Amino acid sequence: MTPTLTAIPDIYRILPEIVLTLTGVLIMLLDAALPPASSRRGLGWLGAFGVMAALYASLLQLSLPAGTAFYNTVQTDAFSVFFHVLICAIVLVSLLLSLDALPANQHHRGEYFALMVFGAVGMCLMTSAVELLVVFIALEISSISTYILAGFRKHTGKGPEAAIKYFLLGSFATGFLLYGVALIFGATGSTQINEIAAAIPHAKPSSLVFAAFALMMVGVLFKVSAAPFHVWTPDVYEGAPSPVVALMSTAPKAAAFALLIRLLYGSFPMLQPMWTPLMWIVAILSMTIGNLAALRQDNVKRMLAYSSIAHAGYLLAAFAGLGFTGIAAASFYIAAYAAMNFGIFAVVSVVSGYEEKLPLAADYRGLLYRAPLLGSLLLFFLTSLIGIPFTAGFFGKFYSFSTALQGGAVWLGLIGLLNSGLAAAYYLRLAVTVAQPPVAGSPQFPAPKIGVAVGAALAFSALATLLLGIAPARILTAAQAGAKSFAMPVSAIQPVQAAPPNVQWVR
């Protein structure tokens, strides 16, 4: 006998967000109840278990039929589940990395773990929201957490500077997004993503739609640090703690790219002849500006910041793909980029320490001899960022560029390949420095200690980077299933009533 569900409670559609919210609230309550001198390490483990529960809840949503809830404001489908699982996995390894990376006597350590969990609430909600006002709320929940985390090293000059710059520029970008939402409501009479697509052909005047689209793109492209909206990235990456940068460079970007996909393919498919060349231009600018600027950097974190701008360009190249192939290619690249980029920032965090006493590339000379495991991992993640075969970076770039070529963007694919070769110059420069034997005058420091939590985070990143390069089929299938969610007509995604489930057993 098989159960037939005629109604599913709305609560199931946001179950991961509820689990994360309860976890964050519990961490804050326990943090306030503990004596000031007590260790907050247990709160980090509590956060990790809560995120694991949210990840499991996300996987459970695969058993639900695609549908909306809470008056068509959130939608559960294969696309949202893909990004829920990805974001929860990133936040989980970020918490594990932070357990050993943060000093034991760090003030407000419990708040740090809570902020990471609350940030995950906003990121997950952003990927499933199909109502622009809910998108705005989710974006603010995520952004406020990352603003505070960026300035967590408040005893340094660069920490508060990073937080203030990120907050001010991020507020302006969010303002652009909100103005775009207001204009699209004026043009179409709706802020529901699927309804906007149906109303655009009848919108008067059409110039209002174009203005709304432009303003919303400014807000979203800022969040993914795509050129020319990238100016905040190097300073914020340099000033924020490395564990925070590992999170900030992956999870919020994954959520923002998911939002970008929903907007382009969900709200503005009619404007594809306009936004496709726009994405080409932004992709070329991001690749070229990011790689050229990275070549001039001696600071490792600034170099990786410009590298992340270039990778945003590689990912945007997938939007030139035909139909829903571009969605699948972009989704897969996000997962591949998250694995390898988190891994390299995790190594930087362990090597340089919380106070980041070794900020320059020259400080990493001889790392392969002083700490063979960390040196080998750093070389491995660098080869993946270059795009060497049998790594996540290779298959991600291959899939993205081949999708662009299939869509007719030959020049975009060629420029992407040339930029990949350009990026190899600064990646190899760091790799050669790491592999060179130490000489007199090189920084002398004891081999970094790798705790259980940090070891698990590094192992997870390395394993994910390797598996996505040699056995990408499962993740690729999940990305393609998420892309097919956009092929489903709006009428096929039925609103779900907020009522107890009425289960009828039929043979």
Protein backbone atom coordinates (compact mmCIF):
# COMPACT_ATOMS: atom_id res chain seq x y z
CA MET A 1 0.00 0.00 0.00
CA THR A 2 1.28 3.50 -0.85
CA PRO A 3 0.26 6.74 0.85
CA THR A 4 -1.28 9.53 -1.19
CA LEU A 5 -0.87 12.97 0.33
CA THR A 6 -3.65 15.39 -0.49
CA ALA A 7 -2.26 18.19 1.68
CA ILE A 8 1.12 18.87 3.22
CA PRO A 9 1.57 21.28 6.13
CA ASP A 10 3.35 24.47 5.18
CA ILE A 11 5.82 23.91 7.99
CA TYR A 12 7.48 21.09 6.04
CA ARG A 13 8.44 23.52 3.30
CA ILE A 14 10.64 25.54 5.66
CA LEU A 15 11.75 22.74 7.98
CA PRO A 16 15.52 23.35 7.51
CA GLU A 17 15.10 27.06 8.30
CA ILE A 18 13.13 26.21 11.44
CA VAL A 19 15.80 23.78 12.64
CA LEU A 20 18.53 26.37 12.04
CA THR A 21 16.55 29.11 13.80
CA LEU A 22 15.94 26.96 16.87
CA THR A 23 19.61 26.01 16.94
CA GLY A 24 20.71 29.64 16.82
CA VAL A 25 18.27 30.67 19.56
CA LEU A 26 19.40 27.78 21.77
CA ILE A 27 23.05 28.77 21.32
CA MET A 28 22.27 32.35 22.36
CA LEU A 29 20.31 31.23 25.42
CA LEU A 30 23.03 28.84 26.57
CA ASP A 31 25.72 31.43 25.92
CA ALA A 32 23.92 33.88 28.20
CA ALA A 33 23.46 31.22 30.89
CA LEU A 34 27.10 30.09 30.97
CA PRO A 35 29.58 31.84 33.30
CA PRO A 36 31.80 34.37 31.45
CA ALA A 37 34.95 32.31 32.07
CA SER A 38 33.44 29.06 30.77
CA SER A 39 34.47 27.58 27.43
CA ARG A 40 32.06 28.12 24.54
CA ARG A 41 33.46 25.25 22.47
CA GLY A 42 30.43 23.10 23.21
CA LEU A 43 28.21 25.74 21.62
CA GLY A 44 30.14 25.29 18.39
CA TRP A 45 29.49 21.56 18.44
CA LEU A 46 25.83 22.28 19.17
CA GLY A 47 25.73 24.51 16.11
CA ALA A 48 27.37 21.79 14.01
CA PHE A 49 24.80 19.19 15.11
CA GLY A 50 21.97 21.65 14.42
CA VAL A 51 23.26 22.29 10.91
CA MET A 52 23.56 18.54 10.34
CA ALA A 53 19.91 18.19 11.38
CA ALA A 54 18.97 20.97 8.94
CA LEU A 55 20.91 19.21 6.19
CA TYR A 56 18.98 16.01 6.89
CA ALA A 57 15.72 17.97 6.87
CA SER A 58 16.67 19.37 3.46
CA LEU A 59 17.21 15.87 2.10
CA LEU A 60 13.81 14.85 3.49
CA GLN A 61 12.23 17.58 1.37
CA LEU A 62 13.14 15.56 -1.72
CA SER A 63 10.28 13.24 -0.81
CA LEU A 64 7.81 16.13 -0.99
CA PRO A 65 6.12 17.00 -4.27
CA ALA A 66 7.20 20.33 -5.73
CA GLY A 67 4.95 23.03 -4.34
CA THR A 68 4.64 26.36 -2.61
CA ALA A 69 3.57 27.35 0.87
CA PHE A 70 2.72 30.36 3.02
CA TYR A 71 0.63 32.03 0.35
CA ASN A 72 3.06 31.21 -2.49
CA THR A 73 6.06 32.88 -0.86
CA VAL A 74 8.37 29.85 -0.59
CA GLN A 75 8.78 26.95 -2.97
CA THR A 76 10.21 23.49 -2.40
CA ASP A 77 11.65 21.75 -5.44
CA ALA A 78 14.83 19.98 -6.51
CA PHE A 79 16.50 23.34 -7.13
CA SER A 80 15.93 24.68 -3.62
CA VAL A 81 16.94 21.35 -2.04
CA PHE A 82 20.21 21.34 -4.01
CA PHE A 83 21.20 24.73 -2.61
CA HIS A 84 19.89 23.97 0.87
CA VAL A 85 22.17 20.94 1.08
CA LEU A 86 25.12 22.89 -0.35
CA ILE A 87 24.71 25.82 2.05
CA CYS A 88 24.23 23.58 5.09
CA ALA A 89 27.35 21.60 4.14
CA ILE A 90 29.39 24.81 3.84
CA VAL A 91 28.16 26.17 7.17
CA LEU A 92 28.88 22.82 8.83
CA VAL A 93 32.52 22.73 7.75
CA SER A 94 32.82 26.45 8.61
CA LEU A 95 31.75 25.70 12.18
CA LEU A 96 34.21 22.80 12.37
CA LEU A 97 37.01 25.02 11.11
CA SER A 98 36.13 27.75 13.60
CA LEU A 99 36.15 25.39 16.58
CA ASP A 100 39.94 25.14 16.47
CA ALA A 101 40.75 28.33 14.55
CA LEU A 102 39.24 30.72 17.10
CA PRO A 103 41.34 31.39 20.23
CA ALA A 104 40.06 29.64 23.32
CA ASN A 105 39.73 32.95 25.19
CA GLN A 106 37.97 34.74 22.31
CA HIS A 107 35.27 37.07 23.60
CA HIS A 108 31.73 36.57 22.28
CA ARG A 109 32.64 33.14 20.92
CA GLY A 110 29.11 31.88 21.47
CA GLU A 111 27.70 34.77 19.46
CA TYR A 112 30.09 33.86 16.64
CA PHE A 113 28.56 30.39 16.32
CA ALA A 114 25.03 31.77 16.57
CA LEU A 115 25.70 34.32 13.83
CA MET A 116 26.92 31.60 11.50
CA VAL A 117 23.75 29.59 12.08
CA PHE A 118 21.46 32.61 11.72
CA GLY A 119 23.26 33.54 8.51
CA ALA A 120 22.48 30.08 7.19
CA VAL A 121 18.77 30.73 7.87
CA GLY A 122 18.80 33.71 5.53
CA MET A 123 20.84 31.93 2.86
CA CYS A 124 18.57 28.88 2.81
CA LEU A 125 15.42 31.00 2.76
CA MET A 126 16.83 33.06 -0.12
CA THR A 127 17.18 29.95 -2.30
CA SER A 128 13.57 28.83 -1.80
CA ALA A 129 11.79 32.20 -1.71
CA VAL A 130 9.61 32.98 -4.73
CA GLU A 131 8.27 36.25 -3.33
CA LEU A 132 10.58 39.26 -3.71
CA LEU A 133 9.73 40.74 -0.32
CA VAL A 134 10.65 37.43 1.33
CA VAL A 135 13.84 37.45 -0.76
CA PHE A 136 14.66 40.88 0.66
CA ILE A 137 14.07 39.71 4.24
CA ALA A 138 16.20 36.61 3.70
CA LEU A 139 18.96 38.70 2.16
CA GLU A 140 18.97 41.01 5.16
CA ILE A 141 19.11 38.10 7.62
CA SER A 142 22.12 36.69 5.79
CA SER A 143 23.83 40.06 5.29
CA ILE A 144 23.54 41.30 8.86
CA SER A 145 25.22 38.14 10.13
CA THR A 146 28.10 38.43 7.66
CA TYR A 147 28.52 42.17 8.37
CA ILE A 148 29.11 41.40 12.05
CA LEU A 149 31.32 38.37 11.38
CA ALA A 150 33.50 40.39 8.98
CA GLY A 151 34.45 42.75 11.82
CA PHE A 152 34.85 40.09 14.49
CA ARG A 153 38.56 40.89 15.01
CA LYS A 154 37.64 44.28 16.39
CA HIS A 155 40.97 44.69 18.20
CA THR A 156 42.65 45.17 14.82
CA GLY A 157 42.34 48.13 12.49
CA LYS A 158 41.41 46.11 9.42
CA GLY A 159 38.57 44.21 11.09
CA PRO A 160 36.24 47.18 11.78
CA GLU A 161 37.29 48.71 8.45
CA ALA A 162 36.18 45.55 6.62
CA ALA A 163 32.85 45.48 8.46
CA ILE A 164 32.10 49.16 7.82
CA LYS A 165 32.97 48.98 4.13
CA TYR A 166 30.96 45.82 3.67
CA PHE A 167 28.00 47.27 5.56
CA LEU A 168 27.92 50.59 3.72
CA LEU A 169 28.38 49.18 0.22
CA GLY A 170 26.09 46.25 0.97
CA SER A 171 23.37 48.62 2.18
CA PHE A 172 23.59 50.62 -1.04
CA ALA A 173 23.37 47.42 -3.11
CA THR A 174 20.36 46.21 -1.11
CA GLY A 175 18.76 49.60 -1.68
CA PHE A 176 19.12 49.11 -5.43
CA LEU A 177 17.48 45.70 -5.12
CA LEU A 178 14.60 47.11 -3.10
CA TYR A 179 14.02 49.94 -5.58
CA GLY A 180 13.93 47.34 -8.34
CA VAL A 181 11.31 45.36 -6.42
CA ALA A 182 9.20 48.51 -6.03
CA LEU A 183 9.42 49.28 -9.75
CA ILE A 184 8.57 45.74 -10.86
CA PHE A 185 5.54 45.85 -8.58
CA GLY A 186 4.49 49.10 -10.20
CA ALA A 187 4.90 47.62 -13.67
CA THR A 188 3.32 44.19 -13.12
CA GLY A 189 1.23 44.52 -9.96
CA SER A 190 3.02 41.56 -8.34
CA THR A 191 6.17 40.70 -6.41
CA GLN A 192 5.75 36.96 -6.89
CA ILE A 193 8.56 35.63 -9.08
CA ASN A 194 6.46 33.29 -11.20
CA GLU A 195 3.62 35.78 -11.64
CA ILE A 196 6.02 38.51 -12.79
CA ALA A 197 7.06 36.40 -15.78
CA ALA A 198 3.42 36.08 -16.89
CA ALA A 199 2.70 39.79 -16.39
CA ILE A 200 5.75 41.27 -18.14
CA PRO A 201 4.33 40.98 -21.71
CA HIS A 202 1.37 43.13 -20.63
CA ALA A 203 3.34 45.58 -18.45
CA LYS A 204 2.99 49.29 -19.29
CA PRO A 205 5.31 51.07 -19.70
CA SER A 206 7.94 48.50 -20.65
CA SER A 207 10.74 50.91 -19.69
CA LEU A 208 9.69 50.43 -16.07
CA VAL A 209 10.40 46.70 -16.37
CA PHE A 210 13.85 47.37 -17.83
CA ALA A 211 14.66 49.83 -15.02
CA ALA A 212 13.49 47.35 -12.38
CA PHE A 213 15.55 44.58 -13.94
CA ALA A 214 18.69 46.77 -14.02
CA LEU A 215 18.33 47.84 -10.39
CA MET A 216 17.75 44.28 -9.18
CA MET A 217 20.79 43.03 -11.10
CA VAL A 218 22.98 45.63 -9.37
CA GLY A 219 21.93 44.29 -5.98
CA VAL A 220 22.43 40.62 -6.85
CA LEU A 221 25.70 41.03 -8.77
CA PHE A 222 27.13 42.92 -5.80
CA LYS A 223 26.48 39.90 -3.60
CA VAL A 224 28.32 37.57 -5.98
CA SER A 225 31.22 40.11 -6.23
CA ALA A 226 31.02 40.31 -10.01
CA ALA A 227 32.69 43.23 -11.78
CA PRO A 228 32.10 46.16 -11.79
CA PHE A 229 30.45 45.65 -8.36
CA HIS A 230 33.48 43.96 -6.82
CA VAL A 231 35.34 46.79 -5.12
CA TRP A 232 34.40 45.66 -1.61
CA THR A 233 35.81 42.16 -1.97
CA PRO A 234 39.61 42.56 -1.46
CA ASP A 235 39.38 44.82 1.59
CA VAL A 236 36.69 42.73 3.29
CA TYR A 237 38.50 39.45 2.61
CA GLU A 238 41.74 40.88 3.98
CA GLY A 239 40.20 42.32 7.15
CA ALA A 240 37.81 39.51 8.09
CA PRO A 241 39.04 36.41 9.97
CA SER A 242 40.03 33.61 7.59
CA PRO A 243 37.32 31.17 8.86
CA VAL A 244 34.74 33.87 8.16
CA VAL A 245 36.17 34.48 4.69
CA ALA A 246 35.97 30.73 4.01
CA LEU A 247 32.25 30.95 4.76
CA MET A 248 31.64 34.36 3.20
CA SER A 249 33.30 33.50 -0.11
CA THR A 250 31.15 30.41 -0.64
CA ALA A 251 27.77 30.12 1.12
CA PRO A 252 26.39 33.68 0.57
CA LYS A 253 27.59 33.53 -3.03
CA ALA A 254 25.81 30.22 -3.54
CA ALA A 255 22.59 31.75 -2.20
CA ALA A 256 23.03 34.88 -4.35
CA PHE A 257 23.65 32.83 -7.49
CA ALA A 258 20.55 30.76 -6.73
CA LEU A 259 18.59 34.01 -6.48
CA LEU A 260 20.12 35.22 -9.75
CA ILE A 261 19.03 32.01 -11.49
CA ARG A 262 15.50 32.32 -10.11
CA LEU A 263 15.24 35.92 -11.27
CA LEU A 264 16.64 35.40 -14.76
CA TYR A 265 14.86 32.15 -15.56
CA GLY A 266 11.84 32.59 -13.30
CA SER A 267 10.91 36.28 -13.54
CA PHE A 268 12.64 37.57 -16.66
CA PRO A 269 12.79 34.74 -19.22
CA MET A 270 11.12 37.08 -21.73
CA LEU A 271 14.10 39.41 -21.46
CA GLN A 272 16.67 36.71 -22.24
CA PRO A 273 17.74 38.39 -25.52
CA MET A 274 18.66 41.40 -23.38
CA TRP A 275 20.21 39.80 -20.31
CA THR A 276 22.26 37.14 -22.12
CA PRO A 277 24.72 39.66 -23.67
CA LEU A 278 24.69 41.55 -20.36
CA MET A 279 25.85 38.40 -18.56
CA TRP A 280 28.54 37.96 -21.24
CA ILE A 281 29.87 41.45 -20.55
CA VAL A 282 29.82 41.00 -16.76
CA ALA A 283 31.48 37.58 -17.10
CA ILE A 284 34.29 38.96 -19.29
CA LEU A 285 34.84 41.95 -17.00
CA SER A 286 34.90 39.75 -13.89
CA MET A 287 37.34 37.23 -15.38
CA THR A 288 39.71 39.83 -16.79
CA ILE A 289 39.69 42.37 -13.95
CA GLY A 290 39.94 39.66 -11.31
CA ASN A 291 42.87 37.86 -12.90
CA LEU A 292 44.83 40.99 -13.85
CA ALA A 293 44.46 42.41 -10.33
CA ALA A 294 45.39 39.07 -8.72
CA LEU A 295 48.67 39.02 -10.64
CA ARG A 296 49.82 42.12 -8.74
CA GLN A 297 49.02 40.90 -5.23
CA ASP A 298 51.56 39.81 -2.65
CA ASN A 299 48.97 39.33 0.09
CA VAL A 300 47.51 35.81 -0.16
CA LYS A 301 43.99 36.72 0.94
CA ARG A 302 43.79 39.67 -1.45
CA MET A 303 45.03 37.45 -4.26
CA LEU A 304 42.31 34.90 -3.46
CA ALA A 305 39.75 37.72 -3.25
CA TYR A 306 40.51 38.80 -6.82
CA SER A 307 40.55 35.13 -7.78
CA SER A 308 36.99 34.78 -6.47
CA ILE A 309 35.95 37.69 -8.70
CA ALA A 310 37.41 35.84 -11.69
CA HIS A 311 35.59 32.65 -10.72
CA ALA A 312 32.33 34.59 -10.60
CA GLY A 313 33.03 35.38 -14.24
CA TYR A 314 33.68 31.71 -15.08
CA LEU A 315 30.37 30.83 -13.48
CA LEU A 316 28.44 33.58 -15.28
CA ALA A 317 29.71 32.18 -18.58
CA ALA A 318 27.36 29.25 -18.02
CA PHE A 319 24.38 31.61 -18.36
CA ALA A 320 25.13 31.75 -22.09
CA GLY A 321 24.06 28.10 -22.33
CA LEU A 322 20.97 26.99 -24.17
CA GLY A 323 17.81 26.44 -22.17
CA PHE A 324 18.23 24.78 -18.80
CA THR A 325 21.70 23.44 -19.52
CA GLY A 326 23.04 26.77 -18.31
CA ILE A 327 21.22 26.41 -14.97
CA ALA A 328 22.68 22.95 -14.41
CA ALA A 329 26.19 24.09 -15.38
CA ALA A 330 26.02 27.12 -13.08
CA SER A 331 24.68 25.04 -10.19
CA PHE A 332 27.43 22.46 -10.57
CA TYR A 333 30.13 25.13 -10.79
CA ILE A 334 28.87 26.71 -7.57
CA ALA A 335 29.30 23.37 -5.76
CA ALA A 336 32.76 22.81 -7.25
CA TYR A 337 33.90 26.34 -6.43
CA ALA A 338 32.60 26.07 -2.87
CA ALA A 339 34.58 22.88 -2.22
CA MET A 340 37.96 24.08 -3.51
CA ASN A 341 37.69 27.70 -2.35
CA PHE A 342 36.65 26.75 1.16
CA GLY A 343 39.54 24.29 1.27
CA ILE A 344 42.19 26.82 0.37
CA PHE A 345 40.89 29.39 2.87
CA ALA A 346 40.81 26.67 5.52
CA VAL A 347 44.52 25.95 4.89
CA VAL A 348 45.30 29.68 5.02
CA SER A 349 43.39 29.93 8.30
CA VAL A 350 45.39 27.10 9.90
CA VAL A 351 48.77 28.24 8.58
CA SER A 352 48.44 31.97 9.20
CA GLY A 353 46.51 31.70 12.46
CA TYR A 354 43.65 33.79 13.78
CA GLU A 355 45.87 36.87 14.02
CA GLU A 356 47.18 36.21 10.48
CA LYS A 357 50.87 36.62 11.23
CA LEU A 358 51.82 35.30 7.77
CA PRO A 359 49.82 37.38 5.30
CA LEU A 360 52.24 37.41 2.33
CA ALA A 361 52.86 34.75 -0.28
CA ALA A 362 56.59 34.84 0.55
CA ASP A 363 55.75 33.75 4.11
CA TYR A 364 54.56 30.40 2.74
CA ARG A 365 57.98 29.43 1.44
CA GLY A 366 58.92 25.95 2.58
CA LEU A 367 55.44 25.11 3.90
CA LEU A 368 55.63 21.75 2.16
CA TYR A 369 58.69 20.90 4.31
CA ARG A 370 57.53 22.39 7.60
CA ALA A 371 53.98 21.04 7.43
CA PRO A 372 53.81 18.41 4.66
CA LEU A 373 50.08 17.73 5.03
CA LEU A 374 49.02 21.37 4.88
CA GLY A 375 51.49 22.09 2.10
CA SER A 376 50.17 19.17 0.05
CA LEU A 377 46.57 20.25 0.60
CA LEU A 378 47.38 23.81 -0.44
CA LEU A 379 48.99 22.55 -3.65
CA PHE A 380 46.00 20.32 -4.31
CA PHE A 381 43.48 23.14 -3.93
CA LEU A 382 45.63 25.42 -6.10
CA THR A 383 45.66 22.81 -8.89
CA SER A 384 41.87 22.65 -8.66
CA LEU A 385 41.55 26.44 -8.88
CA ILE A 386 43.77 26.32 -11.98
CA GLY A 387 41.52 23.67 -13.51
CA ILE A 388 43.83 20.66 -13.67
CA PRO A 389 42.00 17.43 -14.64
CA PHE A 390 40.65 15.10 -11.95
CA THR A 391 39.73 18.04 -9.73
CA ALA A 392 36.46 19.88 -9.20
CA GLY A 393 37.84 23.01 -10.85
CA PHE A 394 38.53 21.24 -14.13
CA PHE A 395 35.09 19.71 -14.55
CA GLY A 396 33.37 22.90 -13.37
CA LYS A 397 35.18 25.03 -15.95
CA PHE A 398 34.78 22.42 -18.65
CA TYR A 399 31.05 22.18 -18.10
CA SER A 400 30.63 25.97 -17.88
CA PHE A 401 32.67 26.81 -20.99
CA SER A 402 31.29 23.94 -23.07
CA THR A 403 27.77 25.09 -22.18
CA ALA A 404 28.66 28.61 -23.32
CA LEU A 405 30.05 27.26 -26.60
CA GLN A 406 26.91 25.20 -27.20
CA GLY A 407 24.90 28.39 -26.70
CA GLY A 408 26.87 30.11 -29.45
CA ALA A 409 29.10 32.20 -27.17
CA VAL A 410 32.33 31.18 -28.87
CA TRP A 411 34.20 34.36 -28.02
CA LEU A 412 33.10 34.13 -24.40
CA GLY A 413 34.44 30.57 -24.19
CA LEU A 414 37.76 31.58 -25.75
CA ILE A 415 38.16 34.55 -23.43
CA GLY A 416 37.39 32.26 -20.50
CA LEU A 417 40.08 29.81 -21.58
CA LEU A 418 42.61 32.64 -21.98
CA ASN A 419 41.75 33.94 -18.52
CA SER A 420 42.20 30.46 -17.08
CA GLY A 421 45.72 30.45 -18.48
CA LEU A 422 46.31 33.90 -17.03
CA ALA A 423 45.10 32.76 -13.62
CA ALA A 424 47.54 29.85 -13.68
CA ALA A 425 50.40 32.37 -13.41
CA TYR A 426 49.59 33.58 -9.90
CA TYR A 427 48.36 30.20 -8.68
CA LEU A 428 51.60 28.57 -9.82
CA ARG A 429 53.64 31.38 -8.30
CA LEU A 430 52.17 30.56 -4.89
CA ALA A 431 52.53 26.82 -5.53
CA VAL A 432 56.24 27.20 -6.38
CA THR A 433 56.77 29.26 -3.23
CA VAL A 434 55.14 26.57 -1.10
CA ALA A 435 57.26 23.83 -2.71
CA GLN A 436 60.60 25.66 -2.42
CA PRO A 437 62.84 24.64 0.48
CA PRO A 438 63.10 27.21 3.27
CA VAL A 439 66.13 29.48 3.26
CA ALA A 440 67.81 31.71 5.81
CA GLY A 441 65.51 34.59 6.62
CA SER A 442 62.31 32.66 5.95
CA PRO A 443 59.67 32.95 8.66
CA GLN A 444 60.31 30.45 11.42
CA PHE A 445 57.27 29.05 13.15
CA PRO A 446 56.28 25.69 14.56
CA ALA A 447 54.27 23.35 12.38
CA PRO A 448 50.58 24.22 12.77
CA LYS A 449 48.56 21.80 14.85
CA ILE A 450 45.52 20.26 13.20
CA GLY A 451 42.73 19.44 15.62
CA VAL A 452 39.96 16.93 15.06
CA ALA A 453 37.43 19.56 13.97
CA VAL A 454 39.80 21.33 11.57
CA GLY A 455 41.01 17.98 10.26
CA ALA A 456 37.42 16.99 9.50
CA ALA A 457 36.80 20.30 7.68
CA LEU A 458 39.97 19.92 5.59
CA ALA A 459 39.20 16.29 4.81
CA PHE A 460 35.65 17.12 3.75
CA SER A 461 36.84 19.91 1.43
CA ALA A 462 39.60 17.80 -0.11
CA LEU A 463 37.32 14.80 -0.60
CA ALA A 464 34.58 16.93 -2.17
CA THR A 465 37.10 18.60 -4.50
CA LEU A 466 38.43 15.22 -5.59
CA LEU A 467 35.08 13.49 -6.01
CA LEU A 468 33.61 16.35 -8.02
CA GLY A 469 36.54 15.96 -10.39
CA ILE A 470 36.59 12.18 -10.83
CA ALA A 471 32.99 11.15 -10.06
CA PRO A 472 30.74 14.16 -10.67
CA ALA A 473 27.73 12.18 -11.87
CA ARG A 474 25.65 12.34 -8.69
CA ILE A 475 26.05 16.08 -8.12
CA LEU A 476 25.60 16.72 -11.83
CA THR A 477 22.37 14.72 -11.81
CA ALA A 478 21.13 16.73 -8.83
CA ALA A 479 22.03 19.99 -10.60
CA GLN A 480 20.16 18.86 -13.73
CA ALA A 481 17.13 17.87 -11.64
CA GLY A 482 17.15 21.35 -10.11
CA ALA A 483 17.33 22.91 -13.57
CA LYS A 484 14.30 20.90 -14.69
CA SER A 485 12.29 22.58 -11.93
CA PHE A 486 12.25 25.68 -14.12
CA ALA A 487 10.85 23.68 -17.02
CA MET A 488 7.74 22.94 -14.97
CA PRO A 489 4.90 25.31 -15.84
CA VAL A 490 3.73 27.61 -13.11
CA SER A 491 0.31 25.95 -13.00
CA ALA A 492 1.93 22.61 -12.22
CA ILE A 493 3.35 23.92 -8.96
CA GLN A 494 0.25 23.95 -6.80
CA PRO A 495 -0.06 26.04 -3.64
CA VAL A 496 -0.23 23.88 -0.57
CA GLN A 497 -2.83 24.58 2.09
CA ALA A 498 -1.72 25.07 5.65
CA ALA A 499 -3.74 22.17 7.00
CA PRO A 500 -2.97 18.87 8.69
CA PRO A 501 -2.07 16.13 6.22
CA ASN A 502 -4.99 14.06 5.00
CA VAL A 503 -3.40 10.71 4.20
CA GLN A 504 -5.45 8.19 2.30
CA TRP A 505 -4.14 4.67 1.81
CA VAL A 506 -4.81 3.20 -1.59
CA ARG A 507 -3.78 -0.06 -3.14
